Amino acid sequence: MEKQASQHEDYDVSSISAVKASLMGPMSGIGDTLFWGILRVIAAGVAMTFGMQGNVLAPFVFLLIYNIPAQWCHWEMTKLGFTVGSEYITEMYSSGLLTIFTKAARTLGCYWLIAKKHVNFTIVILGLIVFCILISALGIA
């Protein structure tokens, strides 16, 4: 989008910030879970095993296991975002896939936040069922 904005003077540059802001939340939830929640824990576990055995290479093992996939993913996703550009977002929007993707990312983020607060999912589901029965009985829905 930045490339199109630099080539066309009549391009709406505010749409660039809007797209970035709208994708920032869902994408950060996925990226944080993958990199900070999964990859970092695995790398730390492997490095701690080396460290407990007295191996001085343990910190380097951690850095390699964590940083190589993280940096590779950052580089490839940046290239993908630049080469695909806004055409893919337009295509996703027209097919309805962007709405589905956004809802899925939002749901995943909600589940992650609920799990982080150590809330029992059974209580949440039962509360939702009771809420739906109440609004149905009141004729709201």
C-alpha atoms as a PDB file:
ATOM      1  CA  MET A   1       0.000   0.000   0.000  1.00  0.00           C
ATOM      2  CA  GLU A   2       2.880   2.341   0.729  1.00  0.00           C
ATOM      3  CA  LYS A   3       4.275   1.569  -2.705  1.00  0.00           C
ATOM      4  CA  GLN A   4       0.962   2.487  -4.339  1.00  0.00           C
ATOM      5  CA  ALA A   5       0.759   5.655  -2.259  1.00  0.00           C
ATOM      6  CA  SER A   6       4.214   6.716  -3.440  1.00  0.00           C
ATOM      7  CA  GLN A   7       3.291   6.068  -7.092  1.00  0.00           C
ATOM      8  CA  HIS A   8      -0.180   7.658  -7.094  1.00  0.00           C
ATOM      9  CA  GLU A   9      -0.729  11.139  -5.704  1.00  0.00           C
ATOM     10  CA  ASP A  10      -4.488  10.647  -5.237  1.00  0.00           C
ATOM     11  CA  TYR A  11      -4.047   7.550  -3.042  1.00  0.00           C
ATOM     12  CA  ASP A  12      -5.729   7.782   0.382  1.00  0.00           C
ATOM     13  CA  VAL A  13      -2.846   7.362   2.832  1.00  0.00           C
ATOM     14  CA  SER A  14      -5.209   7.168   5.814  1.00  0.00           C
ATOM     15  CA  SER A  15      -6.294   3.723   4.601  1.00  0.00           C
ATOM     16  CA  ILE A  16      -2.751   2.458   5.223  1.00  0.00           C
ATOM     17  CA  SER A  17      -2.971   3.306   8.921  1.00  0.00           C
ATOM     18  CA  ALA A  18      -6.513   1.921   9.132  1.00  0.00           C
ATOM     19  CA  VAL A  19      -5.517  -1.452   7.671  1.00  0.00           C
ATOM     20  CA  LYS A  20      -2.439  -1.671   9.890  1.00  0.00           C
ATOM     21  CA  ALA A  21      -4.444  -0.803  13.001  1.00  0.00           C
ATOM     22  CA  SER A  22      -7.226  -3.268  12.181  1.00  0.00           C
ATOM     23  CA  LEU A  23      -4.822  -6.153  11.624  1.00  0.00           C
ATOM     24  CA  MET A  24      -2.504  -5.304  14.506  1.00  0.00           C
ATOM     25  CA  GLY A  25      -4.624  -6.787  17.298  1.00  0.00           C
ATOM     26  CA  PRO A  26      -5.493 -10.159  15.780  1.00  0.00           C
ATOM     27  CA  MET A  27      -2.044 -10.690  14.293  1.00  0.00           C
ATOM     28  CA  SER A  28      -0.250  -9.770  17.513  1.00  0.00           C
ATOM     29  CA  GLY A  29      -2.375 -12.273  19.408  1.00  0.00           C
ATOM     30  CA  ILE A  30      -1.355 -15.035  17.046  1.00  0.00           C
ATOM     31  CA  GLY A  31       2.291 -13.978  16.857  1.00  0.00           C
ATOM     32  CA  ASP A  32       2.669 -13.542  20.615  1.00  0.00           C
ATOM     33  CA  THR A  33       1.189 -16.971  21.235  1.00  0.00           C
ATOM     34  CA  LEU A  34       3.435 -18.653  18.697  1.00  0.00           C
ATOM     35  CA  PHE A  35       6.690 -16.892  19.514  1.00  0.00           C
ATOM     36  CA  TRP A  36       6.438 -15.958  23.207  1.00  0.00           C
ATOM     37  CA  GLY A  37       4.121 -18.720  24.343  1.00  0.00           C
ATOM     38  CA  ILE A  38       5.337 -21.734  22.382  1.00  0.00           C
ATOM     39  CA  LEU A  39       8.690 -21.238  20.671  1.00  0.00           C
ATOM     40  CA  ARG A  40      10.375 -19.431  23.571  1.00  0.00           C
ATOM     41  CA  VAL A  41       9.239 -22.084  26.053  1.00  0.00           C
ATOM     42  CA  ILE A  42      10.510 -24.919  23.849  1.00  0.00           C
ATOM     43  CA  ALA A  43      13.833 -23.158  23.290  1.00  0.00           C
ATOM     44  CA  ALA A  44      14.203 -22.488  27.018  1.00  0.00           C
ATOM     45  CA  GLY A  45      13.424 -26.119  27.848  1.00  0.00           C
ATOM     46  CA  VAL A  46      16.043 -27.421  25.451  1.00  0.00           C
ATOM     47  CA  ALA A  47      18.614 -24.871  26.630  1.00  0.00           C
ATOM     48  CA  MET A  48      17.926 -25.662  30.296  1.00  0.00           C
ATOM     49  CA  THR A  49      18.594 -29.312  29.601  1.00  0.00           C
ATOM     50  CA  PHE A  50      21.979 -28.360  28.182  1.00  0.00           C
ATOM     51  CA  GLY A  51      22.621 -25.992  31.095  1.00  0.00           C
ATOM     52  CA  MET A  52      21.772 -28.584  33.748  1.00  0.00           C
ATOM     53  CA  GLN A  53      24.394 -30.844  32.212  1.00  0.00           C
ATOM     54  CA  GLY A  54      26.960 -28.074  32.574  1.00  0.00           C
ATOM     55  CA  ASN A  55      27.220 -27.290  28.878  1.00  0.00           C
ATOM     56  CA  VAL A  56      28.408 -23.708  28.337  1.00  0.00           C
ATOM     57  CA  LEU A  57      26.662 -23.582  24.967  1.00  0.00           C
ATOM     58  CA  ALA A  58      23.192 -23.562  26.597  1.00  0.00           C
ATOM     59  CA  PRO A  59      22.566 -19.799  26.094  1.00  0.00           C
ATOM     60  CA  PHE A  60      23.630 -20.055  22.470  1.00  0.00           C
ATOM     61  CA  VAL A  61      21.342 -23.051  21.943  1.00  0.00           C
ATOM     62  CA  PHE A  62      18.453 -20.978  23.295  1.00  0.00           C
ATOM     63  CA  LEU A  63      19.301 -18.030  21.064  1.00  0.00           C
ATOM     64  CA  LEU A  64      19.616 -20.224  17.974  1.00  0.00           C
ATOM     65  CA  ILE A  65      16.432 -22.232  18.573  1.00  0.00           C
ATOM     66  CA  TYR A  66      14.419 -19.092  19.247  1.00  0.00           C
ATOM     67  CA  ASN A  67      15.941 -16.473  16.962  1.00  0.00           C
ATOM     68  CA  ILE A  68      16.393 -18.419  13.722  1.00  0.00           C
ATOM     69  CA  PRO A  69      12.682 -19.281  13.265  1.00  0.00           C
ATOM     70  CA  ALA A  70      11.544 -15.916  14.643  1.00  0.00           C
ATOM     71  CA  GLN A  71      13.764 -13.849  12.364  1.00  0.00           C
ATOM     72  CA  TRP A  72      13.012 -16.046   9.361  1.00  0.00           C
ATOM     73  CA  CYS A  73       9.275 -15.655   9.945  1.00  0.00           C
ATOM     74  CA  HIS A  74       9.590 -11.885  10.404  1.00  0.00           C
ATOM     75  CA  TRP A  75      11.569 -11.566   7.172  1.00  0.00           C
ATOM     76  CA  GLU A  76       9.260 -13.802   5.112  1.00  0.00           C
ATOM     77  CA  MET A  77       6.063 -12.173   6.413  1.00  0.00           C
ATOM     78  CA  THR A  78       7.471  -8.734   5.651  1.00  0.00           C
ATOM     79  CA  LYS A  79       8.327  -9.810   2.101  1.00  0.00           C
ATOM     80  CA  LEU A  80       4.905 -11.430   1.706  1.00  0.00           C
ATOM     81  CA  GLY A  81       3.108  -8.308   2.903  1.00  0.00           C
ATOM     82  CA  PHE A  82       5.081  -6.099   0.546  1.00  0.00           C
ATOM     83  CA  THR A  83       4.736  -8.317  -2.547  1.00  0.00           C
ATOM     84  CA  VAL A  84       1.081  -9.199  -2.090  1.00  0.00           C
ATOM     85  CA  GLY A  85       0.035  -5.693  -1.212  1.00  0.00           C
ATOM     86  CA  SER A  86      -3.515  -4.436  -1.025  1.00  0.00           C
ATOM     87  CA  GLU A  87      -4.772  -6.650  -3.851  1.00  0.00           C
ATOM     88  CA  TYR A  88      -4.951  -9.613  -1.501  1.00  0.00           C
ATOM     89  CA  ILE A  89      -6.872  -7.619   1.117  1.00  0.00           C
ATOM     90  CA  THR A  90      -9.309  -6.455  -1.559  1.00  0.00           C
ATOM     91  CA  GLU A  91      -9.725 -10.035  -2.771  1.00  0.00           C
ATOM     92  CA  MET A  92     -10.242 -11.309   0.790  1.00  0.00           C
ATOM     93  CA  TYR A  93     -12.776  -8.560   1.492  1.00  0.00           C
ATOM     94  CA  SER A  94     -14.797  -9.186  -1.661  1.00  0.00           C
ATOM     95  CA  SER A  95     -14.938 -12.943  -1.034  1.00  0.00           C
ATOM     96  CA  GLY A  96     -15.929 -12.507   2.629  1.00  0.00           C
ATOM     97  CA  LEU A  97     -12.806 -14.308   3.813  1.00  0.00           C
ATOM     98  CA  LEU A  98     -11.522 -11.237   5.657  1.00  0.00           C
ATOM     99  CA  THR A  99     -14.625 -11.172   7.866  1.00  0.00           C
ATOM    100  CA  ILE A 100     -14.228 -14.863   8.671  1.00  0.00           C
ATOM    101  CA  PHE A 101     -10.520 -14.434   9.373  1.00  0.00           C
ATOM    102  CA  THR A 102     -11.136 -11.449  11.649  1.00  0.00           C
ATOM    103  CA  LYS A 103     -13.840 -13.297  13.606  1.00  0.00           C
ATOM    104  CA  ALA A 104     -11.610 -16.347  13.983  1.00  0.00           C
ATOM    105  CA  ALA A 105      -8.691 -14.240  15.208  1.00  0.00           C
ATOM    106  CA  ARG A 106     -10.957 -12.374  17.616  1.00  0.00           C
ATOM    107  CA  THR A 107     -12.354 -15.644  18.989  1.00  0.00           C
ATOM    108  CA  LEU A 108      -8.865 -17.073  19.401  1.00  0.00           C
ATOM    109  CA  GLY A 109      -7.794 -13.927  21.239  1.00  0.00           C
ATOM    110  CA  CYS A 110     -10.811 -14.087  23.562  1.00  0.00           C
ATOM    111  CA  TYR A 111     -10.145 -17.720  24.410  1.00  0.00           C
ATOM    112  CA  TRP A 112      -6.500 -16.895  25.080  1.00  0.00           C
ATOM    113  CA  LEU A 113      -7.426 -14.025  27.407  1.00  0.00           C
ATOM    114  CA  ILE A 114      -9.974 -16.154  29.260  1.00  0.00           C
ATOM    115  CA  ALA A 115      -7.467 -18.984  29.664  1.00  0.00           C
ATOM    116  CA  LYS A 116      -4.808 -16.542  30.862  1.00  0.00           C
ATOM    117  CA  LYS A 117      -7.154 -15.382  33.637  1.00  0.00           C
ATOM    118  CA  HIS A 118      -7.663 -19.043  34.691  1.00  0.00           C
ATOM    119  CA  VAL A 119     -11.408 -18.944  34.063  1.00  0.00           C
ATOM    120  CA  ASN A 120     -13.228 -22.250  33.730  1.00  0.00           C
ATOM    121  CA  PHE A 121     -14.695 -22.567  30.219  1.00  0.00           C
ATOM    122  CA  THR A 122     -17.611 -24.639  31.521  1.00  0.00           C
ATOM    123  CA  ILE A 123     -18.757 -21.719  33.678  1.00  0.00           C
ATOM    124  CA  VAL A 124     -18.435 -19.331  30.731  1.00  0.00           C
ATOM    125  CA  ILE A 125     -20.479 -21.607  28.454  1.00  0.00           C
ATOM    126  CA  LEU A 126     -23.150 -22.188  31.113  1.00  0.00           C
ATOM    127  CA  GLY A 127     -23.320 -18.438  31.728  1.00  0.00           C
ATOM    128  CA  LEU A 128     -23.754 -17.840  28.018  1.00  0.00           C
ATOM    129  CA  ILE A 129     -26.559 -20.421  27.830  1.00  0.00           C
ATOM    130  CA  VAL A 130     -28.352 -18.842  30.808  1.00  0.00           C
ATOM    131  CA  PHE A 131     -27.926 -15.384  29.271  1.00  0.00           C
ATOM    132  CA  CYS A 132     -29.395 -16.564  25.950  1.00  0.00           C
ATOM    133  CA  ILE A 133     -32.346 -18.211  27.699  1.00  0.00           C
ATOM    134  CA  LEU A 134     -33.025 -15.013  29.650  1.00  0.00           C
ATOM    135  CA  ILE A 135     -32.962 -12.696  26.642  1.00  0.00           C
ATOM    136  CA  SER A 136     -35.115 -15.196  24.739  1.00  0.00           C
ATOM    137  CA  ALA A 137     -37.646 -15.336  27.581  1.00  0.00           C
ATOM    138  CA  LEU A 138     -37.770 -11.560  27.690  1.00  0.00           C
ATOM    139  CA  GLY A 139     -38.437 -11.440  23.954  1.00  0.00           C
ATOM    140  CA  ILE A 140     -35.269  -9.492  23.179  1.00  0.00           C
ATOM    141  CA  ALA A 141     -33.837 -12.045  20.794  1.00  0.00           C
END
